[in-house]
N, C-alpha and C. Protein backbone atom coordinates (compact mmCIF):
# COMPACT_ATOMS: atom_id res chain seq x y z
N MET A 1 0.80 -1.21 0.00
CA MET A 1 0.00 0.00 0.00
C MET A 1 0.85 1.28 0.00
N GLU A 2 2.16 1.11 0.09
CA GLU A 2 3.02 2.29 0.16
C GLU A 2 2.82 3.22 -1.03
N TYR A 3 2.76 2.65 -2.23
CA TYR A 3 2.59 3.46 -3.43
C TYR A 3 1.27 4.24 -3.38
N TYR A 4 0.19 3.56 -3.01
CA TYR A 4 -1.14 4.18 -3.05
C TYR A 4 -1.30 5.24 -1.96
N ASN A 5 -0.57 5.12 -0.88
CA ASN A 5 -0.59 6.18 0.12
C ASN A 5 0.28 7.35 -0.31
N LYS A 6 1.44 7.05 -0.88
CA LYS A 6 2.38 8.10 -1.26
C LYS A 6 1.87 8.91 -2.45
N PHE A 7 1.23 8.23 -3.39
CA PHE A 7 0.77 8.90 -4.61
C PHE A 7 -0.76 8.89 -4.71
N ALA A 8 -1.41 8.99 -3.58
CA ALA A 8 -2.87 8.91 -3.53
C ALA A 8 -3.54 9.98 -4.40
N ASN A 9 -3.05 11.19 -4.35
CA ASN A 9 -3.68 12.27 -5.13
C ASN A 9 -3.59 12.01 -6.63
N ASP A 10 -2.42 11.58 -7.09
CA ASP A 10 -2.26 11.30 -8.52
C ASP A 10 -3.14 10.14 -8.95
N TYR A 11 -3.16 9.08 -8.14
CA TYR A 11 -3.97 7.91 -8.48
C TYR A 11 -5.46 8.28 -8.48
N TYR A 12 -5.86 9.07 -7.52
CA TYR A 12 -7.26 9.50 -7.42
C TYR A 12 -7.68 10.27 -8.68
N LYS A 13 -6.82 11.20 -9.12
CA LYS A 13 -7.15 12.00 -10.29
C LYS A 13 -7.19 11.15 -11.56
N THR A 14 -6.30 10.16 -11.65
CA THR A 14 -6.23 9.33 -12.85
C THR A 14 -7.38 8.36 -12.96
N THR A 15 -7.72 7.68 -11.88
CA THR A 15 -8.74 6.63 -11.93
C THR A 15 -10.14 7.15 -11.62
N GLY A 16 -10.23 8.23 -10.88
CA GLY A 16 -11.54 8.73 -10.47
C GLY A 16 -12.37 9.27 -11.61
N THR A 17 -11.73 9.58 -12.74
CA THR A 17 -12.45 10.16 -13.87
C THR A 17 -12.86 9.13 -14.92
N LEU A 18 -12.44 7.88 -14.75
CA LEU A 18 -12.85 6.84 -15.70
C LEU A 18 -14.35 6.57 -15.58
N ASP A 19 -14.96 6.20 -16.67
CA ASP A 19 -16.40 5.95 -16.69
C ASP A 19 -16.71 4.65 -15.96
N ALA A 20 -17.49 4.74 -14.89
CA ALA A 20 -17.82 3.57 -14.09
C ALA A 20 -18.86 2.67 -14.75
N VAL A 21 -19.61 3.20 -15.70
CA VAL A 21 -20.72 2.44 -16.28
C VAL A 21 -20.25 1.14 -16.93
N PRO A 22 -19.30 1.17 -17.88
CA PRO A 22 -18.88 -0.11 -18.47
C PRO A 22 -18.15 -1.01 -17.49
N LEU A 23 -17.51 -0.43 -16.48
CA LEU A 23 -16.78 -1.23 -15.51
C LEU A 23 -17.71 -2.00 -14.57
N CYS A 24 -18.89 -1.46 -14.36
CA CYS A 24 -19.83 -2.07 -13.40
C CYS A 24 -21.03 -2.71 -14.06
N SER A 25 -21.17 -2.59 -15.38
CA SER A 25 -22.41 -2.99 -16.04
C SER A 25 -22.75 -4.46 -15.87
N CYS A 26 -21.76 -5.32 -15.89
CA CYS A 26 -22.03 -6.76 -15.77
C CYS A 26 -22.70 -7.07 -14.44
N LEU A 27 -22.16 -6.54 -13.35
CA LEU A 27 -22.73 -6.78 -12.03
C LEU A 27 -24.08 -6.09 -11.88
N VAL A 28 -24.15 -4.84 -12.31
CA VAL A 28 -25.39 -4.06 -12.16
C VAL A 28 -26.54 -4.71 -12.91
N ASN A 29 -26.31 -5.16 -14.12
CA ASN A 29 -27.38 -5.78 -14.90
C ASN A 29 -27.88 -7.06 -14.24
N ALA A 30 -26.96 -7.83 -13.66
CA ALA A 30 -27.36 -9.06 -12.98
C ALA A 30 -28.21 -8.75 -11.75
N ILE A 31 -27.82 -7.74 -10.99
CA ILE A 31 -28.58 -7.37 -9.80
C ILE A 31 -29.96 -6.85 -10.18
N LYS A 32 -30.01 -5.97 -11.18
CA LYS A 32 -31.29 -5.38 -11.58
C LYS A 32 -32.26 -6.44 -12.07
N GLU A 33 -31.73 -7.41 -12.80
CA GLU A 33 -32.60 -8.48 -13.31
C GLU A 33 -33.19 -9.28 -12.16
N ARG A 34 -32.40 -9.52 -11.13
CA ARG A 34 -32.90 -10.27 -9.99
C ARG A 34 -33.81 -9.42 -9.11
N ALA A 35 -33.44 -8.14 -8.92
CA ALA A 35 -34.16 -7.28 -7.99
C ALA A 35 -35.49 -6.78 -8.53
N GLY A 36 -35.61 -6.74 -9.84
CA GLY A 36 -36.85 -6.27 -10.43
C GLY A 36 -37.18 -4.84 -10.06
N GLY A 37 -36.15 -3.98 -9.98
CA GLY A 37 -36.37 -2.58 -9.66
C GLY A 37 -36.38 -2.27 -8.18
N CYS A 38 -36.14 -3.26 -7.34
CA CYS A 38 -36.19 -3.05 -5.88
C CYS A 38 -34.80 -3.16 -5.25
N GLN A 39 -33.77 -2.67 -5.97
CA GLN A 39 -32.40 -2.86 -5.51
C GLN A 39 -32.00 -1.97 -4.34
N LYS A 40 -32.86 -1.07 -3.88
CA LYS A 40 -32.50 -0.19 -2.77
C LYS A 40 -32.25 -0.97 -1.49
N SER A 41 -32.76 -2.19 -1.41
CA SER A 41 -32.55 -3.01 -0.22
C SER A 41 -31.29 -3.85 -0.34
N PHE A 42 -30.57 -3.74 -1.46
CA PHE A 42 -29.40 -4.58 -1.71
C PHE A 42 -28.14 -3.98 -1.08
N ASN A 43 -27.41 -4.80 -0.32
CA ASN A 43 -26.11 -4.41 0.22
C ASN A 43 -25.02 -4.85 -0.75
N VAL A 44 -24.16 -3.92 -1.14
CA VAL A 44 -23.10 -4.22 -2.10
C VAL A 44 -21.76 -3.83 -1.48
N LEU A 45 -20.78 -4.71 -1.62
CA LEU A 45 -19.43 -4.45 -1.15
C LEU A 45 -18.54 -4.08 -2.32
N ASP A 46 -17.86 -2.93 -2.22
CA ASP A 46 -16.82 -2.54 -3.18
C ASP A 46 -15.48 -2.89 -2.55
N LEU A 47 -14.92 -4.00 -2.99
CA LEU A 47 -13.74 -4.59 -2.37
C LEU A 47 -12.47 -4.04 -3.05
N GLY A 48 -11.82 -3.09 -2.38
CA GLY A 48 -10.69 -2.40 -2.97
C GLY A 48 -11.20 -1.22 -3.78
N CYS A 49 -11.85 -0.28 -3.09
CA CYS A 49 -12.62 0.79 -3.75
C CYS A 49 -11.75 1.89 -4.35
N GLY A 50 -10.50 2.01 -3.92
CA GLY A 50 -9.62 3.03 -4.50
C GLY A 50 -10.19 4.42 -4.38
N SER A 51 -10.42 5.07 -5.51
CA SER A 51 -10.91 6.46 -5.54
C SER A 51 -12.37 6.59 -5.13
N GLY A 52 -13.07 5.47 -5.02
CA GLY A 52 -14.50 5.52 -4.67
C GLY A 52 -15.40 5.73 -5.87
N ARG A 53 -14.83 5.77 -7.05
CA ARG A 53 -15.60 6.01 -8.28
C ARG A 53 -16.76 5.04 -8.44
N ASP A 54 -16.47 3.75 -8.34
CA ASP A 54 -17.52 2.74 -8.53
C ASP A 54 -18.50 2.74 -7.36
N SER A 55 -18.00 3.02 -6.17
CA SER A 55 -18.86 3.05 -4.99
C SER A 55 -19.96 4.09 -5.14
N TYR A 56 -19.58 5.29 -5.55
CA TYR A 56 -20.56 6.36 -5.70
C TYR A 56 -21.52 6.07 -6.86
N TYR A 57 -21.01 5.48 -7.91
CA TYR A 57 -21.88 5.12 -9.03
C TYR A 57 -22.93 4.11 -8.59
N LEU A 58 -22.50 3.08 -7.88
CA LEU A 58 -23.44 2.05 -7.41
C LEU A 58 -24.45 2.63 -6.42
N ALA A 59 -23.98 3.50 -5.54
CA ALA A 59 -24.89 4.13 -4.58
C ALA A 59 -25.91 5.00 -5.30
N GLY A 60 -25.48 5.63 -6.39
CA GLY A 60 -26.40 6.45 -7.17
C GLY A 60 -27.51 5.67 -7.82
N LEU A 61 -27.30 4.36 -7.98
CA LEU A 61 -28.32 3.48 -8.54
C LEU A 61 -29.28 2.97 -7.46
N GLY A 62 -28.99 3.32 -6.21
CA GLY A 62 -29.89 2.95 -5.13
C GLY A 62 -29.39 1.86 -4.20
N PHE A 63 -28.19 1.34 -4.46
CA PHE A 63 -27.65 0.30 -3.60
C PHE A 63 -27.08 0.90 -2.31
N LYS A 64 -27.07 0.08 -1.26
CA LYS A 64 -26.36 0.45 -0.03
C LYS A 64 -24.94 -0.10 -0.19
N VAL A 65 -23.97 0.81 -0.27
CA VAL A 65 -22.62 0.41 -0.64
C VAL A 65 -21.67 0.54 0.55
N PHE A 66 -20.92 -0.54 0.76
CA PHE A 66 -19.88 -0.57 1.79
C PHE A 66 -18.56 -0.73 1.04
N SER A 67 -17.64 0.19 1.29
CA SER A 67 -16.42 0.26 0.48
C SER A 67 -15.19 0.12 1.35
N ILE A 68 -14.33 -0.83 1.00
CA ILE A 68 -13.12 -1.02 1.79
C ILE A 68 -11.88 -0.88 0.92
N ASP A 69 -10.80 -0.46 1.54
CA ASP A 69 -9.50 -0.37 0.89
C ASP A 69 -8.45 -0.39 2.00
N LYS A 70 -7.21 -0.71 1.64
CA LYS A 70 -6.14 -0.71 2.64
C LYS A 70 -5.34 0.58 2.61
N SER A 71 -5.59 1.44 1.62
CA SER A 71 -4.90 2.72 1.56
C SER A 71 -5.72 3.77 2.30
N GLU A 72 -5.24 4.18 3.45
CA GLU A 72 -5.96 5.17 4.25
C GLU A 72 -6.07 6.51 3.53
N LYS A 73 -5.04 6.89 2.79
CA LYS A 73 -5.07 8.18 2.11
C LYS A 73 -6.07 8.18 0.96
N LEU A 74 -6.14 7.08 0.21
CA LEU A 74 -7.15 7.00 -0.84
C LEU A 74 -8.55 7.01 -0.25
N LEU A 75 -8.74 6.32 0.86
CA LEU A 75 -10.05 6.34 1.52
C LEU A 75 -10.43 7.74 1.96
N GLY A 76 -9.45 8.48 2.46
CA GLY A 76 -9.72 9.85 2.87
C GLY A 76 -10.17 10.71 1.71
N LEU A 77 -9.53 10.56 0.57
CA LEU A 77 -9.94 11.32 -0.62
C LEU A 77 -11.33 10.90 -1.08
N ALA A 78 -11.59 9.60 -1.05
CA ALA A 78 -12.90 9.11 -1.47
C ALA A 78 -14.02 9.62 -0.56
N LYS A 79 -13.76 9.59 0.73
CA LYS A 79 -14.77 10.04 1.71
C LYS A 79 -15.10 11.52 1.52
N ASN A 80 -14.11 12.30 1.18
CA ASN A 80 -14.28 13.75 1.10
C ASN A 80 -14.56 14.26 -0.30
N ALA A 81 -14.90 13.36 -1.21
CA ALA A 81 -15.22 13.77 -2.58
C ALA A 81 -16.40 14.75 -2.56
N VAL A 82 -16.28 15.83 -3.30
CA VAL A 82 -17.31 16.88 -3.27
C VAL A 82 -18.22 16.84 -4.49
N ASN A 83 -17.89 16.01 -5.47
CA ASN A 83 -18.68 15.99 -6.71
C ASN A 83 -19.72 14.88 -6.72
N TYR A 84 -20.12 14.42 -5.53
CA TYR A 84 -21.15 13.39 -5.42
C TYR A 84 -22.22 13.83 -4.44
N ASP A 85 -23.41 13.30 -4.61
CA ASP A 85 -24.53 13.60 -3.73
C ASP A 85 -24.24 13.10 -2.32
N SER A 86 -24.28 13.99 -1.35
CA SER A 86 -23.95 13.63 0.04
C SER A 86 -25.00 12.71 0.67
N ASP A 87 -26.16 12.58 0.03
CA ASP A 87 -27.22 11.71 0.57
C ASP A 87 -27.07 10.26 0.16
N LEU A 88 -26.10 9.96 -0.70
CA LEU A 88 -25.91 8.58 -1.13
C LEU A 88 -25.43 7.72 0.03
N PHE A 89 -25.85 6.46 0.03
CA PHE A 89 -25.44 5.53 1.09
C PHE A 89 -24.13 4.87 0.70
N VAL A 90 -23.02 5.41 1.20
CA VAL A 90 -21.70 4.83 0.99
C VAL A 90 -20.94 4.90 2.31
N LYS A 91 -20.46 3.77 2.78
CA LYS A 91 -19.67 3.73 4.01
C LYS A 91 -18.27 3.22 3.68
N PHE A 92 -17.25 4.02 4.01
CA PHE A 92 -15.87 3.67 3.70
C PHE A 92 -15.16 3.15 4.95
N LEU A 93 -14.42 2.04 4.78
CA LEU A 93 -13.68 1.46 5.90
C LEU A 93 -12.31 0.99 5.42
N CYS A 94 -11.32 1.11 6.30
CA CYS A 94 -10.00 0.57 6.03
C CYS A 94 -9.99 -0.87 6.56
N ALA A 95 -9.79 -1.84 5.68
CA ALA A 95 -9.89 -3.24 6.10
C ALA A 95 -9.08 -4.13 5.16
N ASP A 96 -8.84 -5.35 5.63
CA ASP A 96 -8.07 -6.35 4.91
C ASP A 96 -9.01 -7.25 4.11
N PHE A 97 -8.66 -7.55 2.87
CA PHE A 97 -9.47 -8.42 2.03
C PHE A 97 -9.63 -9.81 2.64
N LEU A 98 -8.66 -10.21 3.45
CA LEU A 98 -8.68 -11.57 4.00
C LEU A 98 -9.35 -11.66 5.36
N ALA A 99 -9.83 -10.53 5.85
CA ALA A 99 -10.53 -10.51 7.15
C ALA A 99 -11.58 -9.41 7.10
N LEU A 100 -12.62 -9.63 6.34
CA LEU A 100 -13.65 -8.61 6.14
C LEU A 100 -14.45 -8.37 7.42
N PRO A 101 -14.64 -7.09 7.78
CA PRO A 101 -15.31 -6.76 9.04
C PRO A 101 -16.84 -6.75 8.93
N PHE A 102 -17.38 -7.79 8.36
CA PHE A 102 -18.83 -7.87 8.16
C PHE A 102 -19.31 -9.26 8.57
N LYS A 103 -20.56 -9.33 9.01
CA LYS A 103 -21.12 -10.61 9.41
C LYS A 103 -21.34 -11.48 8.17
N SER A 104 -21.50 -12.75 8.40
CA SER A 104 -21.72 -13.70 7.31
C SER A 104 -23.07 -13.45 6.63
N ASN A 105 -23.12 -13.73 5.34
CA ASN A 105 -24.36 -13.61 4.54
C ASN A 105 -24.94 -12.20 4.57
N PHE A 106 -24.06 -11.19 4.57
CA PHE A 106 -24.52 -9.81 4.68
C PHE A 106 -24.76 -9.16 3.32
N PHE A 107 -23.97 -9.52 2.33
CA PHE A 107 -24.02 -8.81 1.05
C PHE A 107 -24.82 -9.58 0.00
N ASP A 108 -25.51 -8.79 -0.82
CA ASP A 108 -26.20 -9.35 -1.98
C ASP A 108 -25.26 -9.45 -3.17
N ALA A 109 -24.24 -8.60 -3.18
CA ALA A 109 -23.29 -8.60 -4.29
C ALA A 109 -21.96 -8.00 -3.85
N VAL A 110 -20.90 -8.42 -4.51
CA VAL A 110 -19.56 -7.92 -4.23
C VAL A 110 -18.88 -7.55 -5.54
N LEU A 111 -18.22 -6.40 -5.55
CA LEU A 111 -17.44 -5.94 -6.70
C LEU A 111 -15.98 -5.84 -6.28
N ALA A 112 -15.09 -6.44 -7.06
CA ALA A 112 -13.65 -6.32 -6.81
C ALA A 112 -12.99 -5.95 -8.14
N GLN A 113 -13.03 -4.67 -8.43
CA GLN A 113 -12.54 -4.18 -9.71
C GLN A 113 -11.03 -3.92 -9.64
N ALA A 114 -10.27 -4.78 -10.27
CA ALA A 114 -8.81 -4.61 -10.35
C ALA A 114 -8.17 -4.44 -8.98
N SER A 115 -8.60 -5.23 -8.01
CA SER A 115 -8.05 -5.11 -6.66
C SER A 115 -7.41 -6.41 -6.15
N LEU A 116 -8.01 -7.54 -6.44
CA LEU A 116 -7.47 -8.81 -5.95
C LEU A 116 -6.12 -9.15 -6.57
N LEU A 117 -5.78 -8.49 -7.67
CA LEU A 117 -4.51 -8.73 -8.33
C LEU A 117 -3.31 -8.24 -7.52
N HIS A 118 -3.57 -7.47 -6.45
CA HIS A 118 -2.48 -7.02 -5.59
C HIS A 118 -2.15 -8.02 -4.49
N LEU A 119 -2.92 -9.11 -4.42
CA LEU A 119 -2.63 -10.17 -3.46
C LEU A 119 -1.67 -11.18 -4.08
N PRO A 120 -0.78 -11.78 -3.28
CA PRO A 120 0.00 -12.92 -3.79
C PRO A 120 -0.96 -14.01 -4.26
N LYS A 121 -0.57 -14.75 -5.24
CA LYS A 121 -1.45 -15.76 -5.82
C LYS A 121 -1.89 -16.80 -4.81
N ASN A 122 -1.04 -17.09 -3.81
CA ASN A 122 -1.42 -18.08 -2.81
C ASN A 122 -2.45 -17.55 -1.82
N LYS A 123 -2.84 -16.28 -1.95
CA LYS A 123 -3.86 -15.69 -1.09
C LYS A 123 -5.22 -15.55 -1.79
N LEU A 124 -5.26 -15.84 -3.09
CA LEU A 124 -6.50 -15.63 -3.84
C LEU A 124 -7.65 -16.46 -3.30
N ARG A 125 -7.40 -17.75 -3.03
CA ARG A 125 -8.47 -18.59 -2.51
C ARG A 125 -8.96 -18.10 -1.16
N GLY A 126 -8.06 -17.58 -0.32
CA GLY A 126 -8.46 -17.02 0.97
C GLY A 126 -9.39 -15.84 0.80
N ALA A 127 -9.09 -14.99 -0.19
CA ALA A 127 -9.96 -13.84 -0.47
C ALA A 127 -11.32 -14.31 -0.99
N PHE A 128 -11.30 -15.30 -1.88
CA PHE A 128 -12.56 -15.86 -2.38
C PHE A 128 -13.40 -16.43 -1.23
N MET A 129 -12.75 -17.10 -0.29
CA MET A 129 -13.48 -17.69 0.83
C MET A 129 -14.10 -16.61 1.72
N GLU A 130 -13.41 -15.48 1.90
CA GLU A 130 -13.97 -14.39 2.69
C GLU A 130 -15.17 -13.77 1.99
N VAL A 131 -15.07 -13.64 0.68
CA VAL A 131 -16.23 -13.14 -0.08
C VAL A 131 -17.38 -14.12 0.07
N LYS A 132 -17.11 -15.40 -0.07
CA LYS A 132 -18.18 -16.41 0.04
C LYS A 132 -18.84 -16.37 1.41
N ARG A 133 -18.02 -16.16 2.45
CA ARG A 133 -18.57 -16.08 3.81
C ARG A 133 -19.50 -14.88 3.96
N SER A 134 -19.11 -13.77 3.38
CA SER A 134 -19.85 -12.52 3.61
C SER A 134 -21.04 -12.34 2.68
N ILE A 135 -21.08 -13.12 1.60
CA ILE A 135 -22.14 -12.95 0.62
C ILE A 135 -23.28 -13.94 0.88
N LYS A 136 -24.48 -13.54 0.52
CA LYS A 136 -25.64 -14.41 0.68
C LYS A 136 -25.59 -15.56 -0.32
N PRO A 137 -26.15 -16.71 0.02
CA PRO A 137 -26.22 -17.81 -0.95
C PRO A 137 -26.89 -17.33 -2.24
N GLY A 138 -26.24 -17.59 -3.35
CA GLY A 138 -26.78 -17.13 -4.63
C GLY A 138 -26.39 -15.70 -4.97
N GLY A 139 -25.66 -15.04 -4.08
CA GLY A 139 -25.25 -13.66 -4.32
C GLY A 139 -24.25 -13.56 -5.45
N PHE A 140 -24.18 -12.37 -6.06
CA PHE A 140 -23.30 -12.14 -7.20
C PHE A 140 -21.94 -11.59 -6.76
N PHE A 141 -20.91 -12.01 -7.47
CA PHE A 141 -19.55 -11.54 -7.22
C PHE A 141 -18.92 -11.26 -8.58
N TYR A 142 -18.53 -9.99 -8.81
CA TYR A 142 -17.83 -9.65 -10.04
C TYR A 142 -16.43 -9.18 -9.69
N PHE A 143 -15.44 -9.68 -10.41
CA PHE A 143 -14.06 -9.25 -10.18
C PHE A 143 -13.28 -9.28 -11.48
N SER A 144 -12.18 -8.52 -11.51
CA SER A 144 -11.32 -8.50 -12.68
C SER A 144 -9.87 -8.67 -12.27
N LEU A 145 -9.13 -9.37 -13.12
CA LEU A 145 -7.71 -9.65 -12.90
C LEU A 145 -6.96 -9.42 -14.21
N LYS A 146 -5.64 -9.28 -14.12
CA LYS A 146 -4.83 -9.14 -15.32
C LYS A 146 -4.43 -10.51 -15.87
N ARG A 147 -4.58 -10.66 -17.19
CA ARG A 147 -4.14 -11.89 -17.81
C ARG A 147 -2.62 -11.94 -17.85
N GLY A 148 -2.06 -13.12 -17.61
CA GLY A 148 -0.62 -13.28 -17.67
C GLY A 148 -0.18 -14.46 -16.83
N ALA A 149 1.10 -14.43 -16.43
CA ALA A 149 1.65 -15.52 -15.64
C ALA A 149 2.57 -14.96 -14.56
N GLY A 150 2.52 -15.59 -13.40
CA GLY A 150 3.45 -15.25 -12.33
C GLY A 150 3.08 -14.03 -11.52
N GLU A 151 4.08 -13.50 -10.83
CA GLU A 151 3.93 -12.34 -9.96
C GLU A 151 5.13 -11.42 -10.21
N SER A 152 4.92 -10.11 -10.08
CA SER A 152 6.04 -9.19 -10.25
C SER A 152 5.69 -7.80 -9.74
N PHE A 153 6.71 -6.97 -9.61
CA PHE A 153 6.53 -5.56 -9.29
C PHE A 153 6.68 -4.75 -10.57
N ASP A 154 5.82 -3.73 -10.74
CA ASP A 154 5.96 -2.89 -11.92
C ASP A 154 7.00 -1.80 -11.68
N ASP A 155 7.16 -0.90 -12.63
CA ASP A 155 8.19 0.13 -12.52
C ASP A 155 7.87 1.18 -11.46
N LYS A 156 6.67 1.13 -10.92
CA LYS A 156 6.29 2.04 -9.84
C LYS A 156 6.39 1.38 -8.46
N GLY A 157 6.81 0.12 -8.47
CA GLY A 157 6.96 -0.60 -7.20
C GLY A 157 5.70 -1.27 -6.71
N ARG A 158 4.69 -1.38 -7.57
CA ARG A 158 3.43 -2.01 -7.17
C ARG A 158 3.48 -3.50 -7.47
N PHE A 159 2.96 -4.29 -6.54
CA PHE A 159 2.95 -5.75 -6.71
C PHE A 159 1.70 -6.17 -7.48
N PHE A 160 1.90 -7.07 -8.45
CA PHE A 160 0.78 -7.61 -9.22
C PHE A 160 0.91 -9.13 -9.37
N SER A 161 -0.23 -9.79 -9.34
CA SER A 161 -0.33 -11.20 -9.71
C SER A 161 -1.06 -11.28 -11.03
N TYR A 162 -0.62 -12.19 -11.89
CA TYR A 162 -1.20 -12.36 -13.22
C TYR A 162 -1.77 -13.78 -13.34
N TYR A 163 -2.87 -13.90 -14.08
CA TYR A 163 -3.59 -15.17 -14.09
C TYR A 163 -3.96 -15.64 -15.48
N THR A 164 -4.05 -16.96 -15.61
CA THR A 164 -4.68 -17.56 -16.77
C THR A 164 -6.13 -17.85 -16.40
N ASP A 165 -6.95 -18.04 -17.42
CA ASP A 165 -8.36 -18.36 -17.17
C ASP A 165 -8.48 -19.67 -16.40
N GLU A 166 -7.64 -20.63 -16.73
CA GLU A 166 -7.69 -21.93 -16.07
C GLU A 166 -7.42 -21.81 -14.57
N GLU A 167 -6.46 -20.99 -14.20
CA GLU A 167 -6.14 -20.79 -12.78
C GLU A 167 -7.34 -20.22 -12.02
N VAL A 168 -7.99 -19.24 -12.62
CA VAL A 168 -9.11 -18.58 -11.96
C VAL A 168 -10.30 -19.53 -11.83
N ILE A 169 -10.62 -20.23 -12.89
CA ILE A 169 -11.76 -21.15 -12.87
C ILE A 169 -11.54 -22.23 -11.80
N THR A 170 -10.33 -22.72 -11.69
CA THR A 170 -10.03 -23.75 -10.69
C THR A 170 -10.21 -23.18 -9.28
N ALA A 171 -9.70 -21.98 -9.04
CA ALA A 171 -9.83 -21.37 -7.72
C ALA A 171 -11.29 -21.12 -7.36
N LEU A 172 -12.08 -20.71 -8.32
CA LEU A 172 -13.51 -20.49 -8.08
C LEU A 172 -14.21 -21.80 -7.73
N SER A 173 -13.91 -22.83 -8.48
CA SER A 173 -14.51 -24.14 -8.21
C SER A 173 -14.14 -24.65 -6.83
N ASP A 174 -12.87 -24.43 -6.45
CA ASP A 174 -12.39 -24.90 -5.15
C ASP A 174 -13.07 -24.18 -3.98
N THR A 175 -13.55 -22.97 -4.22
CA THR A 175 -14.10 -22.15 -3.13
C THR A 175 -15.61 -21.98 -3.18
N GLY A 176 -16.28 -22.73 -4.06
CA GLY A 176 -17.74 -22.76 -4.03
C GLY A 176 -18.44 -21.69 -4.81
N PHE A 177 -17.86 -21.28 -5.95
CA PHE A 177 -18.52 -20.31 -6.82
C PHE A 177 -18.82 -20.94 -8.17
N SER A 178 -19.93 -20.53 -8.75
CA SER A 178 -20.32 -20.97 -10.07
C SER A 178 -20.18 -19.81 -11.05
N VAL A 179 -19.53 -20.04 -12.18
CA VAL A 179 -19.29 -18.98 -13.16
C VAL A 179 -20.55 -18.75 -13.99
N ILE A 180 -21.00 -17.49 -14.00
CA ILE A 180 -22.15 -17.11 -14.82
C ILE A 180 -21.69 -16.62 -16.18
N SER A 181 -20.67 -15.77 -16.18
CA SER A 181 -20.11 -15.27 -17.44
C SER A 181 -18.67 -14.82 -17.21
N ARG A 182 -17.91 -14.74 -18.29
CA ARG A 182 -16.54 -14.26 -18.22
C ARG A 182 -16.25 -13.44 -19.46
N SER A 183 -15.24 -12.60 -19.38
CA SER A 183 -14.91 -11.74 -20.52
C SER A 183 -13.43 -11.42 -20.55
N ASP A 184 -12.94 -11.08 -21.73
CA ASP A 184 -11.61 -10.52 -21.93
C ASP A 184 -11.82 -9.11 -22.47
N SER A 185 -11.09 -8.15 -21.95
CA SER A 185 -11.24 -6.78 -22.43
C SER A 185 -9.93 -6.02 -22.31
N LYS A 186 -9.80 -4.98 -23.13
CA LYS A 186 -8.64 -4.11 -23.08
C LYS A 186 -8.88 -2.99 -22.08
N SER A 187 -7.79 -2.40 -21.59
CA SER A 187 -7.88 -1.34 -20.60
C SER A 187 -8.52 -0.09 -21.18
N LEU A 188 -9.39 0.58 -20.40
CA LEU A 188 -10.06 1.79 -20.84
C LEU A 188 -9.09 2.95 -21.05
N ASP A 189 -7.94 2.90 -20.38
CA ASP A 189 -6.98 4.01 -20.51
C ASP A 189 -5.89 3.70 -21.53
N ASN A 190 -6.17 2.74 -22.42
CA ASN A 190 -5.30 2.43 -23.56
C ASN A 190 -3.97 1.77 -23.19
N ARG A 191 -3.82 1.30 -21.96
CA ARG A 191 -2.62 0.54 -21.62
C ARG A 191 -2.70 -0.85 -22.26
N ASP A 192 -1.56 -1.45 -22.49
CA ASP A 192 -1.51 -2.76 -23.13
C ASP A 192 -1.75 -3.85 -22.09
N ILE A 193 -3.01 -3.94 -21.65
CA ILE A 193 -3.41 -4.88 -20.61
C ILE A 193 -4.66 -5.62 -21.07
N THR A 194 -4.68 -6.92 -20.86
CA THR A 194 -5.91 -7.69 -21.08
C THR A 194 -6.49 -8.04 -19.72
N TRP A 195 -7.72 -7.63 -19.51
CA TRP A 195 -8.41 -7.87 -18.25
C TRP A 195 -9.30 -9.10 -18.37
N LEU A 196 -9.21 -9.96 -17.38
CA LEU A 196 -10.12 -11.09 -17.26
C LEU A 196 -11.23 -10.70 -16.29
N GLY A 197 -12.47 -10.73 -16.77
CA GLY A 197 -13.60 -10.36 -15.92
C GLY A 197 -14.51 -11.56 -15.67
N TYR A 198 -14.98 -11.70 -14.43
CA TYR A 198 -15.81 -12.85 -14.07
C TYR A 198 -17.03 -12.41 -13.28
N LEU A 199 -18.19 -12.85 -13.70
CA LEU A 199 -19.39 -12.73 -12.88
C LEU A 199 -19.71 -14.13 -12.39
N VAL A 200 -19.73 -14.29 -11.07
CA VAL A 200 -19.96 -15.61 -10.49
C VAL A 200 -21.04 -15.52 -9.42
N SER A 201 -21.49 -16.67 -9.00
CA SER A 201 -22.53 -16.73 -7.96
C SER A 201 -22.10 -17.71 -6.89
N SER A 202 -22.42 -17.36 -5.64
CA SER A 202 -22.11 -18.25 -4.53
C SER A 202 -23.05 -19.44 -4.56
N ILE A 203 -22.48 -20.63 -4.50
CA ILE A 203 -23.29 -21.84 -4.56
C ILE A 203 -23.87 -22.14 -3.18
């Protein structure tokens, strides 16, 4: 988290302006189809919320959003954002992905947009298990990871894990999730990155 605390302002400005609609559409459409227009009662977790961009977007759709991140400085910027409706239901907390501070079966859906990739690969199943514990049976979980192999630090000193589709599918099966849909997509900011996206359901 050192990078995200040290360069929180730059990261906030860069990622906070990206369009949240295409990033969240897969999860949002699944929830809306199930909720039938009554999604205001739905609890949604933004796991690794960063700038809070997706959290505020989801709250604007009527969801009750709980947002966690390990970067205290990014959380501070997200909490104090002035370009969002102050009446939206968004609660920000500093917490660990592997020890979520929520009771079991609390969430209807979980979003982990480009966040789980900062965990060592041997921790991915632990994170999946925490999501499974906190989500209701049949609840939706959408997450994205970078396609590739191995683990490494980038030129900014940030740690990343890279995955094949086979690795992810196996980890999901091992932890009790059923895959609803998956996708490959390029980065919205034109970086040479292929994102693996998964919409899954807790069995």
